């Protein structure tokens, strides 16, 4: 059913999180998808979706977004550090410019904003358990420092802003993350190599859970302000992840240590999601086993 009551602009629409949100919301709302190209869009589906080709780092994008006049901007776009680029000051500068332009539009339109941040803003906090939203932010990278700056601007200068601090998003279209790397190795029957002791944890959050959560929230007509941790609530170590993938795929891959150290050895990825459960009705449905099976089928 097309609700048609809201005009929603989604930045980073071809990315991991953005593409999942576009897929779900465009079936119910009028969606404007901002991305570098439209090659990722399934044009065979019947839905209200318009591709918008703008460079968010260029101030000319402001006039283009103002012409669309969205009621809600879901801001997923960011320059993400990679093995090739690394984490550098240029990443901070690029994302700062993107955010400044998007936030300018939010202020001029007085529209609602959903901003995709991450638990990376906490740093590692000496591996504390159940880190909640009131704890001090300790960014340790240029990428994380810029997220903290953006959150501060939202809180201090905009009338409305929902900040989602997402931990380890995964789903269809995912690039070479540790989960996908392990899965591909298992599918081939190769040995899975883990760095360090394999004790480092992640709390993998399925992108379709995020998309459906936003769809439900917008359908109810209530998007609150504030920062919220978003994760599955079930951290898993890299060793246990490898074992789970081997069991699910049934390929009999061996699991060995690589002999290389893990610079995040012992990281717990333990974040409280009680505030999001209580105030936002965040209730992830896709368990890691199911999510891995979905990705496994996509590789067939």
C-alpha atoms as a PDB file:
ATOM      1  CA  UNK A   1       0.000   0.000   0.000  1.00  0.00           C
ATOM      2  CA  UNK A   2       1.408   3.385  -1.023  1.00  0.00           C
ATOM      3  CA  UNK A   3       0.775   5.776   1.870  1.00  0.00           C
ATOM      4  CA  UNK A   4       1.856   8.829  -0.135  1.00  0.00           C
ATOM      5  CA  UNK A   5       1.748  11.220   2.831  1.00  0.00           C
ATOM      6  CA  UNK A   6       5.463  11.829   3.172  1.00  0.00           C
ATOM      7  CA  UNK A   7       8.174  12.883   0.765  1.00  0.00           C
ATOM      8  CA  UNK A   8      11.359  11.183   1.925  1.00  0.00           C
ATOM      9  CA  UNK A   9      14.838  11.952   0.644  1.00  0.00           C
ATOM     10  CA  UNK A  10      17.458   9.262   1.292  1.00  0.00           C
ATOM     11  CA  UNK A  11      21.137  10.090   0.838  1.00  0.00           C
ATOM     12  CA  UNK A  12      23.696   7.355   0.248  1.00  0.00           C
ATOM     13  CA  UNK A  13      20.884   5.426  -1.392  1.00  0.00           C
ATOM     14  CA  UNK A  14      23.158   2.958  -3.161  1.00  0.00           C
ATOM     15  CA  UNK A  15      25.103   2.100   0.001  1.00  0.00           C
ATOM     16  CA  UNK A  16      24.673  -0.826   2.362  1.00  0.00           C
ATOM     17  CA  UNK A  17      22.155   0.792   4.716  1.00  0.00           C
ATOM     18  CA  UNK A  18      20.672   3.290   2.266  1.00  0.00           C
ATOM     19  CA  UNK A  19      19.760   0.709  -0.366  1.00  0.00           C
ATOM     20  CA  UNK A  20      17.868  -1.404   2.177  1.00  0.00           C
ATOM     21  CA  UNK A  21      15.954   1.663   3.375  1.00  0.00           C
ATOM     22  CA  UNK A  22      15.093   2.657  -0.201  1.00  0.00           C
ATOM     23  CA  UNK A  23      13.876  -0.873  -0.952  1.00  0.00           C
ATOM     24  CA  UNK A  24      11.426  -0.871   1.975  1.00  0.00           C
ATOM     25  CA  UNK A  25      10.271   2.749   2.138  1.00  0.00           C
ATOM     26  CA  UNK A  26       9.689   3.212  -1.596  1.00  0.00           C
ATOM     27  CA  UNK A  27       6.903   0.644  -1.408  1.00  0.00           C
ATOM     28  CA  UNK A  28       4.946   2.859   1.001  1.00  0.00           C
ATOM     29  CA  UNK A  29       6.159   6.442   0.568  1.00  0.00           C
ATOM     30  CA  UNK A  30       7.315   8.860  -2.106  1.00  0.00           C
ATOM     31  CA  UNK A  31      11.080   8.365  -2.037  1.00  0.00           C
ATOM     32  CA  UNK A  32      13.833  10.448  -3.616  1.00  0.00           C
ATOM     33  CA  UNK A  33      17.042   8.411  -3.728  1.00  0.00           C
ATOM     34  CA  UNK A  34      20.286  10.391  -3.793  1.00  0.00           C
ATOM     35  CA  UNK A  35      23.246   8.477  -5.243  1.00  0.00           C
ATOM     36  CA  UNK A  36      26.038   8.800  -7.810  1.00  0.00           C
ATOM     37  CA  UNK A  37      24.204   6.615 -10.333  1.00  0.00           C
ATOM     38  CA  UNK A  38      20.990   4.639 -10.669  1.00  0.00           C
ATOM     39  CA  UNK A  39      22.461   1.314 -11.829  1.00  0.00           C
ATOM     40  CA  UNK A  40      21.480  -0.345  -8.511  1.00  0.00           C
ATOM     41  CA  UNK A  41      17.768   0.449  -8.805  1.00  0.00           C
ATOM     42  CA  UNK A  42      15.415  -2.396  -9.732  1.00  0.00           C
ATOM     43  CA  UNK A  43      13.255  -0.606 -12.280  1.00  0.00           C
ATOM     44  CA  UNK A  44      10.884  -3.553 -12.664  1.00  0.00           C
ATOM     45  CA  UNK A  45       9.241  -3.032  -9.290  1.00  0.00           C
ATOM     46  CA  UNK A  46       6.113  -0.912  -8.944  1.00  0.00           C
ATOM     47  CA  UNK A  47       6.908   1.744  -6.365  1.00  0.00           C
ATOM     48  CA  UNK A  48       7.168   5.497  -5.898  1.00  0.00           C
ATOM     49  CA  UNK A  49      10.881   6.082  -6.386  1.00  0.00           C
ATOM     50  CA  UNK A  50      12.783   8.886  -8.089  1.00  0.00           C
ATOM     51  CA  UNK A  51      16.546   8.865  -8.584  1.00  0.00           C
ATOM     52  CA  UNK A  52      18.371  12.124  -7.773  1.00  0.00           C
ATOM     53  CA  UNK A  53      21.900  12.547  -9.128  1.00  0.00           C
ATOM     54  CA  UNK A  54      23.584  15.203  -6.984  1.00  0.00           C
ATOM     55  CA  UNK A  55      27.027  15.664  -5.465  1.00  0.00           C
ATOM     56  CA  UNK A  56      26.362  16.210  -1.780  1.00  0.00           C
ATOM     57  CA  UNK A  57      29.840  17.664  -1.263  1.00  0.00           C
ATOM     58  CA  UNK A  58      28.999  20.515  -3.652  1.00  0.00           C
ATOM     59  CA  UNK A  59      26.883  23.411  -2.374  1.00  0.00           C
ATOM     60  CA  UNK A  60      24.825  23.280  -5.572  1.00  0.00           C
ATOM     61  CA  UNK A  61      23.060  20.255  -4.087  1.00  0.00           C
ATOM     62  CA  UNK A  62      21.279  22.544  -1.623  1.00  0.00           C
ATOM     63  CA  UNK A  63      19.116  24.171  -4.301  1.00  0.00           C
ATOM     64  CA  UNK A  64      18.310  20.776  -5.814  1.00  0.00           C
ATOM     65  CA  UNK A  65      17.188  19.346  -2.473  1.00  0.00           C
ATOM     66  CA  UNK A  66      15.177  22.478  -1.658  1.00  0.00           C
ATOM     67  CA  UNK A  67      13.258  22.010  -4.914  1.00  0.00           C
ATOM     68  CA  UNK A  68      12.268  18.495  -3.846  1.00  0.00           C
ATOM     69  CA  UNK A  69      11.015  19.804  -0.477  1.00  0.00           C
ATOM     70  CA  UNK A  70      11.227  16.521   1.450  1.00  0.00           C
ATOM     71  CA  UNK A  71       9.357  16.133   4.730  1.00  0.00           C
ATOM     72  CA  UNK A  72      12.057  13.780   6.011  1.00  0.00           C
ATOM     73  CA  UNK A  73      15.741  13.432   5.134  1.00  0.00           C
ATOM     74  CA  UNK A  74      17.360  10.105   6.012  1.00  0.00           C
ATOM     75  CA  UNK A  75      21.061  10.853   5.806  1.00  0.00           C
ATOM     76  CA  UNK A  76      23.180   7.746   5.134  1.00  0.00           C
ATOM     77  CA  UNK A  77      25.778   9.217   2.781  1.00  0.00           C
ATOM     78  CA  UNK A  78      29.399   9.283   3.923  1.00  0.00           C
ATOM     79  CA  UNK A  79      32.907   8.727   2.658  1.00  0.00           C
ATOM     80  CA  UNK A  80      33.891   5.556   4.497  1.00  0.00           C
ATOM     81  CA  UNK A  81      37.532   4.602   5.192  1.00  0.00           C
ATOM     82  CA  UNK A  82      38.767   1.636   3.197  1.00  0.00           C
ATOM     83  CA  UNK A  83      41.915  -0.453   2.995  1.00  0.00           C
ATOM     84  CA  UNK A  84      42.957   1.589  -0.033  1.00  0.00           C
ATOM     85  CA  UNK A  85      42.151   5.048   1.370  1.00  0.00           C
ATOM     86  CA  UNK A  86      42.774   4.375   5.042  1.00  0.00           C
ATOM     87  CA  UNK A  87      41.471   6.633   7.797  1.00  0.00           C
ATOM     88  CA  UNK A  88      42.779  10.105   7.026  1.00  0.00           C
ATOM     89  CA  UNK A  89      42.009  13.736   7.695  1.00  0.00           C
ATOM     90  CA  UNK A  90      40.623  14.041   4.173  1.00  0.00           C
ATOM     91  CA  UNK A  91      37.823  11.663   5.206  1.00  0.00           C
ATOM     92  CA  UNK A  92      36.892  14.124   7.965  1.00  0.00           C
ATOM     93  CA  UNK A  93      36.895  17.067   5.530  1.00  0.00           C
ATOM     94  CA  UNK A  94      34.832  15.266   2.871  1.00  0.00           C
ATOM     95  CA  UNK A  95      32.166  14.124   5.333  1.00  0.00           C
ATOM     96  CA  UNK A  96      32.080  17.488   7.071  1.00  0.00           C
ATOM     97  CA  UNK A  97      31.203  19.198   3.783  1.00  0.00           C
ATOM     98  CA  UNK A  98      28.527  16.612   2.953  1.00  0.00           C
ATOM     99  CA  UNK A  99      26.928  16.974   6.370  1.00  0.00           C
ATOM    100  CA  UNK A 100      27.058  20.771   6.325  1.00  0.00           C
ATOM    101  CA  UNK A 101      25.137  20.841   3.033  1.00  0.00           C
ATOM    102  CA  UNK A 102      22.526  18.327   4.185  1.00  0.00           C
ATOM    103  CA  UNK A 103      22.084  20.068   7.551  1.00  0.00           C
ATOM    104  CA  UNK A 104      21.672  23.400   5.726  1.00  0.00           C
ATOM    105  CA  UNK A 105      18.750  21.863   3.822  1.00  0.00           C
ATOM    106  CA  UNK A 106      17.211  20.513   7.028  1.00  0.00           C
ATOM    107  CA  UNK A 107      17.377  23.961   8.610  1.00  0.00           C
ATOM    108  CA  UNK A 108      15.930  25.799   5.613  1.00  0.00           C
ATOM    109  CA  UNK A 109      13.125  23.279   5.119  1.00  0.00           C
ATOM    110  CA  UNK A 110      12.535  22.726   8.838  1.00  0.00           C
ATOM    111  CA  UNK A 111      12.105  19.065   7.966  1.00  0.00           C
ATOM    112  CA  UNK A 112      12.789  15.978  10.052  1.00  0.00           C
ATOM    113  CA  UNK A 113      16.224  14.368  10.002  1.00  0.00           C
ATOM    114  CA  UNK A 114      17.376  10.808  10.607  1.00  0.00           C
ATOM    115  CA  UNK A 115      21.178  10.690  10.800  1.00  0.00           C
ATOM    116  CA  UNK A 116      23.188   7.487  10.487  1.00  0.00           C
ATOM    117  CA  UNK A 117      26.010   7.572  13.004  1.00  0.00           C
ATOM    118  CA  UNK A 118      27.727   4.580  14.589  1.00  0.00           C
ATOM    119  CA  UNK A 119      28.908   3.078  17.850  1.00  0.00           C
ATOM    120  CA  UNK A 120      32.382   3.992  16.623  1.00  0.00           C
ATOM    121  CA  UNK A 121      31.812   7.358  18.349  1.00  0.00           C
ATOM    122  CA  UNK A 122      32.415   5.648  21.721  1.00  0.00           C
ATOM    123  CA  UNK A 123      35.879   4.386  20.822  1.00  0.00           C
ATOM    124  CA  UNK A 124      36.589   1.317  22.942  1.00  0.00           C
ATOM    125  CA  UNK A 125      36.036   2.716  26.473  1.00  0.00           C
ATOM    126  CA  UNK A 126      38.340   0.106  28.027  1.00  0.00           C
ATOM    127  CA  UNK A 127      35.995  -2.625  26.814  1.00  0.00           C
ATOM    128  CA  UNK A 128      33.136  -1.697  29.107  1.00  0.00           C
ATOM    129  CA  UNK A 129      29.948  -3.739  28.933  1.00  0.00           C
ATOM    130  CA  UNK A 130      26.507  -2.377  28.068  1.00  0.00           C
ATOM    131  CA  UNK A 131      27.736   1.037  26.938  1.00  0.00           C
ATOM    132  CA  UNK A 132      24.772   3.410  26.944  1.00  0.00           C
ATOM    133  CA  UNK A 133      24.027   6.711  25.246  1.00  0.00           C
ATOM    134  CA  UNK A 134      24.907   8.838  28.286  1.00  0.00           C
ATOM    135  CA  UNK A 135      28.536   7.713  28.353  1.00  0.00           C
ATOM    136  CA  UNK A 136      31.322   9.971  27.129  1.00  0.00           C
ATOM    137  CA  UNK A 137      32.230   9.773  23.460  1.00  0.00           C
ATOM    138  CA  UNK A 138      35.855   8.840  22.740  1.00  0.00           C
ATOM    139  CA  UNK A 139      36.412   8.808  18.965  1.00  0.00           C
ATOM    140  CA  UNK A 140      39.740   7.335  17.909  1.00  0.00           C
ATOM    141  CA  UNK A 141      39.659   7.919  14.127  1.00  0.00           C
ATOM    142  CA  UNK A 142      39.073  10.812  11.742  1.00  0.00           C
ATOM    143  CA  UNK A 143      35.863   9.153  10.576  1.00  0.00           C
ATOM    144  CA  UNK A 144      34.562   8.820  14.146  1.00  0.00           C
ATOM    145  CA  UNK A 145      35.627  12.348  15.103  1.00  0.00           C
ATOM    146  CA  UNK A 146      33.565  13.759  12.252  1.00  0.00           C
ATOM    147  CA  UNK A 147      30.525  11.722  13.347  1.00  0.00           C
ATOM    148  CA  UNK A 148      30.850  13.228  16.829  1.00  0.00           C
ATOM    149  CA  UNK A 149      31.051  16.726  15.351  1.00  0.00           C
ATOM    150  CA  UNK A 150      27.956  16.082  13.226  1.00  0.00           C
ATOM    151  CA  UNK A 151      26.002  14.799  16.230  1.00  0.00           C
ATOM    152  CA  UNK A 152      26.915  17.960  18.154  1.00  0.00           C
ATOM    153  CA  UNK A 153      25.632  20.184  15.334  1.00  0.00           C
ATOM    154  CA  UNK A 154      22.362  18.243  15.169  1.00  0.00           C
ATOM    155  CA  UNK A 155      21.788  18.595  18.905  1.00  0.00           C
ATOM    156  CA  UNK A 156      22.768  22.255  19.156  1.00  0.00           C
ATOM    157  CA  UNK A 157      21.658  23.833  15.875  1.00  0.00           C
ATOM    158  CA  UNK A 158      18.778  21.848  14.377  1.00  0.00           C
ATOM    159  CA  UNK A 159      15.214  21.751  15.624  1.00  0.00           C
ATOM    160  CA  UNK A 160      14.885  18.026  15.100  1.00  0.00           C
ATOM    161  CA  UNK A 161      17.276  15.150  14.621  1.00  0.00           C
ATOM    162  CA  UNK A 162      17.162  11.417  15.294  1.00  0.00           C
ATOM    163  CA  UNK A 163      20.692   9.978  15.574  1.00  0.00           C
ATOM    164  CA  UNK A 164      21.107   6.230  15.127  1.00  0.00           C
ATOM    165  CA  UNK A 165      24.429   4.839  16.382  1.00  0.00           C
ATOM    166  CA  UNK A 166      24.539   1.589  14.440  1.00  0.00           C
ATOM    167  CA  UNK A 167      26.928  -1.255  15.192  1.00  0.00           C
ATOM    168  CA  UNK A 168      28.270  -3.508  12.418  1.00  0.00           C
ATOM    169  CA  UNK A 169      25.506  -3.260   9.781  1.00  0.00           C
ATOM    170  CA  UNK A 170      25.334  -6.152   7.329  1.00  0.00           C
ATOM    171  CA  UNK A 171      23.050  -7.278   4.541  1.00  0.00           C
ATOM    172  CA  UNK A 172      22.617  -7.615   0.791  1.00  0.00           C
ATOM    173  CA  UNK A 173      25.181  -5.688  -1.217  1.00  0.00           C
ATOM    174  CA  UNK A 174      27.746  -5.878   1.567  1.00  0.00           C
ATOM    175  CA  UNK A 175      31.357  -5.491   0.545  1.00  0.00           C
ATOM    176  CA  UNK A 176      34.369  -7.405   1.875  1.00  0.00           C
ATOM    177  CA  UNK A 177      33.697  -7.183   5.622  1.00  0.00           C
ATOM    178  CA  UNK A 178      34.879  -9.903   7.995  1.00  0.00           C
ATOM    179  CA  UNK A 179      31.485 -11.623   7.875  1.00  0.00           C
ATOM    180  CA  UNK A 180      31.426 -11.764   4.083  1.00  0.00           C
ATOM    181  CA  UNK A 181      35.074 -12.786   3.940  1.00  0.00           C
ATOM    182  CA  UNK A 182      34.454 -15.741   6.287  1.00  0.00           C
ATOM    183  CA  UNK A 183      31.303 -16.710   4.386  1.00  0.00           C
ATOM    184  CA  UNK A 184      33.026 -16.730   0.990  1.00  0.00           C
ATOM    185  CA  UNK A 185      35.883 -18.812   2.398  1.00  0.00           C
ATOM    186  CA  UNK A 186      33.402 -21.313   3.844  1.00  0.00           C
ATOM    187  CA  UNK A 187      31.412 -21.554   0.604  1.00  0.00           C
ATOM    188  CA  UNK A 188      34.622 -22.403  -1.264  1.00  0.00           C
ATOM    189  CA  UNK A 189      35.622 -24.882   1.435  1.00  0.00           C
ATOM    190  CA  UNK A 190      38.752 -22.876   2.160  1.00  0.00           C
ATOM    191  CA  UNK A 191      40.363 -22.580   5.574  1.00  0.00           C
ATOM    192  CA  UNK A 192      38.974 -19.633   7.545  1.00  0.00           C
ATOM    193  CA  UNK A 193      41.747 -17.560   9.072  1.00  0.00           C
ATOM    194  CA  UNK A 194      41.133 -15.461  12.187  1.00  0.00           C
ATOM    195  CA  UNK A 195      43.524 -12.824  13.477  1.00  0.00           C
ATOM    196  CA  UNK A 196      44.731 -12.771  17.069  1.00  0.00           C
ATOM    197  CA  UNK A 197      42.858 -15.092  19.406  1.00  0.00           C
ATOM    198  CA  UNK A 198      39.506 -14.510  17.693  1.00  0.00           C
ATOM    199  CA  UNK A 199      38.101 -12.927  20.849  1.00  0.00           C
ATOM    200  CA  UNK A 200      37.166  -9.617  19.200  1.00  0.00           C
ATOM    201  CA  UNK A 201      33.384  -9.218  19.063  1.00  0.00           C
ATOM    202  CA  UNK A 202      30.867  -7.516  16.795  1.00  0.00           C
ATOM    203  CA  UNK A 203      27.134  -7.092  17.249  1.00  0.00           C
ATOM    204  CA  UNK A 204      25.893  -7.496  13.687  1.00  0.00           C
ATOM    205  CA  UNK A 205      22.796  -5.461  12.772  1.00  0.00           C
ATOM    206  CA  UNK A 206      20.797  -6.495   9.712  1.00  0.00           C
ATOM    207  CA  UNK A 207      20.056  -3.610   7.351  1.00  0.00           C
ATOM    208  CA  UNK A 208      16.532  -4.872   6.638  1.00  0.00           C
ATOM    209  CA  UNK A 209      15.763  -4.633  10.353  1.00  0.00           C
ATOM    210  CA  UNK A 210      16.897  -0.999  10.234  1.00  0.00           C
ATOM    211  CA  UNK A 211      14.787  -0.329   7.136  1.00  0.00           C
ATOM    212  CA  UNK A 212      11.633  -1.928   8.527  1.00  0.00           C
ATOM    213  CA  UNK A 213      12.117  -0.114  11.830  1.00  0.00           C
ATOM    214  CA  UNK A 214      12.203   3.248  10.034  1.00  0.00           C
ATOM    215  CA  UNK A 215       9.207   2.284   7.908  1.00  0.00           C
ATOM    216  CA  UNK A 216       7.174   1.506  11.024  1.00  0.00           C
ATOM    217  CA  UNK A 217       8.250   4.706  12.757  1.00  0.00           C
ATOM    218  CA  UNK A 218       7.385   6.931   9.793  1.00  0.00           C
ATOM    219  CA  UNK A 219       4.056   5.130   9.307  1.00  0.00           C
ATOM    220  CA  UNK A 220       3.135   6.004  12.883  1.00  0.00           C
ATOM    221  CA  UNK A 221       4.005   9.641  12.178  1.00  0.00           C
ATOM    222  CA  UNK A 222       6.435   9.999  15.062  1.00  0.00           C
ATOM    223  CA  UNK A 223      10.189  10.533  14.695  1.00  0.00           C
ATOM    224  CA  UNK A 224      11.709  11.626  18.015  1.00  0.00           C
ATOM    225  CA  UNK A 225      14.966  13.474  18.561  1.00  0.00           C
ATOM    226  CA  UNK A 226      18.039  12.183  20.374  1.00  0.00           C
ATOM    227  CA  UNK A 227      20.811   9.622  20.029  1.00  0.00           C
ATOM    228  CA  UNK A 228      20.149   5.871  20.232  1.00  0.00           C
ATOM    229  CA  UNK A 229      22.297   2.749  20.073  1.00  0.00           C
ATOM    230  CA  UNK A 230      21.085   0.365  17.366  1.00  0.00           C
ATOM    231  CA  UNK A 231      22.349  -3.220  17.279  1.00  0.00           C
ATOM    232  CA  UNK A 232      21.064  -6.768  17.457  1.00  0.00           C
ATOM    233  CA  UNK A 233      21.931  -7.013  21.150  1.00  0.00           C
ATOM    234  CA  UNK A 234      23.881 -10.266  20.774  1.00  0.00           C
ATOM    235  CA  UNK A 235      27.642  -9.690  20.327  1.00  0.00           C
ATOM    236  CA  UNK A 236      29.615 -12.593  18.880  1.00  0.00           C
ATOM    237  CA  UNK A 237      33.375 -13.239  18.799  1.00  0.00           C
ATOM    238  CA  UNK A 238      35.184 -13.718  15.521  1.00  0.00           C
ATOM    239  CA  UNK A 239      36.019 -17.307  16.460  1.00  0.00           C
ATOM    240  CA  UNK A 240      32.354 -18.053  17.220  1.00  0.00           C
ATOM    241  CA  UNK A 241      31.295 -16.297  14.012  1.00  0.00           C
ATOM    242  CA  UNK A 242      33.616 -18.516  11.976  1.00  0.00           C
ATOM    243  CA  UNK A 243      32.260 -21.616  13.730  1.00  0.00           C
ATOM    244  CA  UNK A 244      28.673 -20.513  13.100  1.00  0.00           C
ATOM    245  CA  UNK A 245      29.313 -19.937   9.394  1.00  0.00           C
ATOM    246  CA  UNK A 246      30.995 -23.336   9.001  1.00  0.00           C
ATOM    247  CA  UNK A 247      28.029 -25.019  10.689  1.00  0.00           C
ATOM    248  CA  UNK A 248      25.427 -23.183   8.576  1.00  0.00           C
ATOM    249  CA  UNK A 249      27.161 -23.797   5.235  1.00  0.00           C
ATOM    250  CA  UNK A 250      28.122 -27.369   6.092  1.00  0.00           C
ATOM    251  CA  UNK A 251      31.220 -27.157   3.903  1.00  0.00           C
ATOM    252  CA  UNK A 252      33.573 -28.473   6.581  1.00  0.00           C
ATOM    253  CA  UNK A 253      36.049 -25.591   6.395  1.00  0.00           C
ATOM    254  CA  UNK A 254      38.847 -25.661   8.949  1.00  0.00           C
ATOM    255  CA  UNK A 255      39.373 -22.651  11.230  1.00  0.00           C
ATOM    256  CA  UNK A 256      42.945 -21.600  11.948  1.00  0.00           C
ATOM    257  CA  UNK A 257      44.653 -18.582  13.453  1.00  0.00           C
ATOM    258  CA  UNK A 258      46.495 -16.500  10.872  1.00  0.00           C
ATOM    259  CA  UNK A 259      49.453 -15.715  13.093  1.00  0.00           C
ATOM    260  CA  UNK A 260      48.705 -12.014  12.674  1.00  0.00           C
ATOM    261  CA  UNK A 261      47.684  -9.802  15.577  1.00  0.00           C
ATOM    262  CA  UNK A 262      44.275  -8.144  15.789  1.00  0.00           C
ATOM    263  CA  UNK A 263      44.539  -4.452  16.646  1.00  0.00           C
ATOM    264  CA  UNK A 264      41.081  -4.690  18.227  1.00  0.00           C
ATOM    265  CA  UNK A 265      41.891  -7.788  20.275  1.00  0.00           C
ATOM    266  CA  UNK A 266      39.344  -8.329  23.034  1.00  0.00           C
ATOM    267  CA  UNK A 267      36.918  -5.626  21.793  1.00  0.00           C
ATOM    268  CA  UNK A 268      33.506  -6.530  23.264  1.00  0.00           C
ATOM    269  CA  UNK A 269      31.049  -4.527  21.097  1.00  0.00           C
ATOM    270  CA  UNK A 270      28.705  -4.416  24.074  1.00  0.00           C
ATOM    271  CA  UNK A 271      26.151  -1.629  23.668  1.00  0.00           C
ATOM    272  CA  UNK A 272      22.906  -1.232  25.554  1.00  0.00           C
ATOM    273  CA  UNK A 273      19.876  -0.986  23.259  1.00  0.00           C
ATOM    274  CA  UNK A 274      17.360  -0.616  26.100  1.00  0.00           C
ATOM    275  CA  UNK A 275      16.746   3.072  25.368  1.00  0.00           C
ATOM    276  CA  UNK A 276      15.967   2.280  21.722  1.00  0.00           C
ATOM    277  CA  UNK A 277      13.699  -0.618  22.748  1.00  0.00           C
ATOM    278  CA  UNK A 278      11.826   1.523  25.259  1.00  0.00           C
ATOM    279  CA  UNK A 279      11.503   4.800  23.372  1.00  0.00           C
ATOM    280  CA  UNK A 280      11.643   3.763  19.701  1.00  0.00           C
ATOM    281  CA  UNK A 281      10.230   0.237  19.828  1.00  0.00           C
ATOM    282  CA  UNK A 282      13.468  -1.067  18.298  1.00  0.00           C
ATOM    283  CA  UNK A 283      12.958  -4.820  18.081  1.00  0.00           C
ATOM    284  CA  UNK A 284      15.304  -6.575  15.615  1.00  0.00           C
ATOM    285  CA  UNK A 285      13.675  -9.585  13.946  1.00  0.00           C
ATOM    286  CA  UNK A 286      16.462 -11.063  11.821  1.00  0.00           C
ATOM    287  CA  UNK A 287      18.812 -13.189  13.879  1.00  0.00           C
ATOM    288  CA  UNK A 288      22.400 -13.682  12.747  1.00  0.00           C
ATOM    289  CA  UNK A 289      21.769 -17.284  11.654  1.00  0.00           C
ATOM    290  CA  UNK A 290      18.953 -16.189   9.341  1.00  0.00           C
ATOM    291  CA  UNK A 291      20.965 -13.241   8.056  1.00  0.00           C
ATOM    292  CA  UNK A 292      23.913 -15.488   7.209  1.00  0.00           C
ATOM    293  CA  UNK A 293      21.631 -17.927   5.373  1.00  0.00           C
ATOM    294  CA  UNK A 294      20.198 -15.080   3.275  1.00  0.00           C
ATOM    295  CA  UNK A 295      23.692 -13.925   2.310  1.00  0.00           C
ATOM    296  CA  UNK A 296      24.760 -17.513   1.616  1.00  0.00           C
ATOM    297  CA  UNK A 297      21.879 -17.967  -0.861  1.00  0.00           C
ATOM    298  CA  UNK A 298      22.888 -14.736  -2.601  1.00  0.00           C
ATOM    299  CA  UNK A 299      26.325 -16.221  -3.294  1.00  0.00           C
ATOM    300  CA  UNK A 300      24.906 -19.316  -4.979  1.00  0.00           C
END
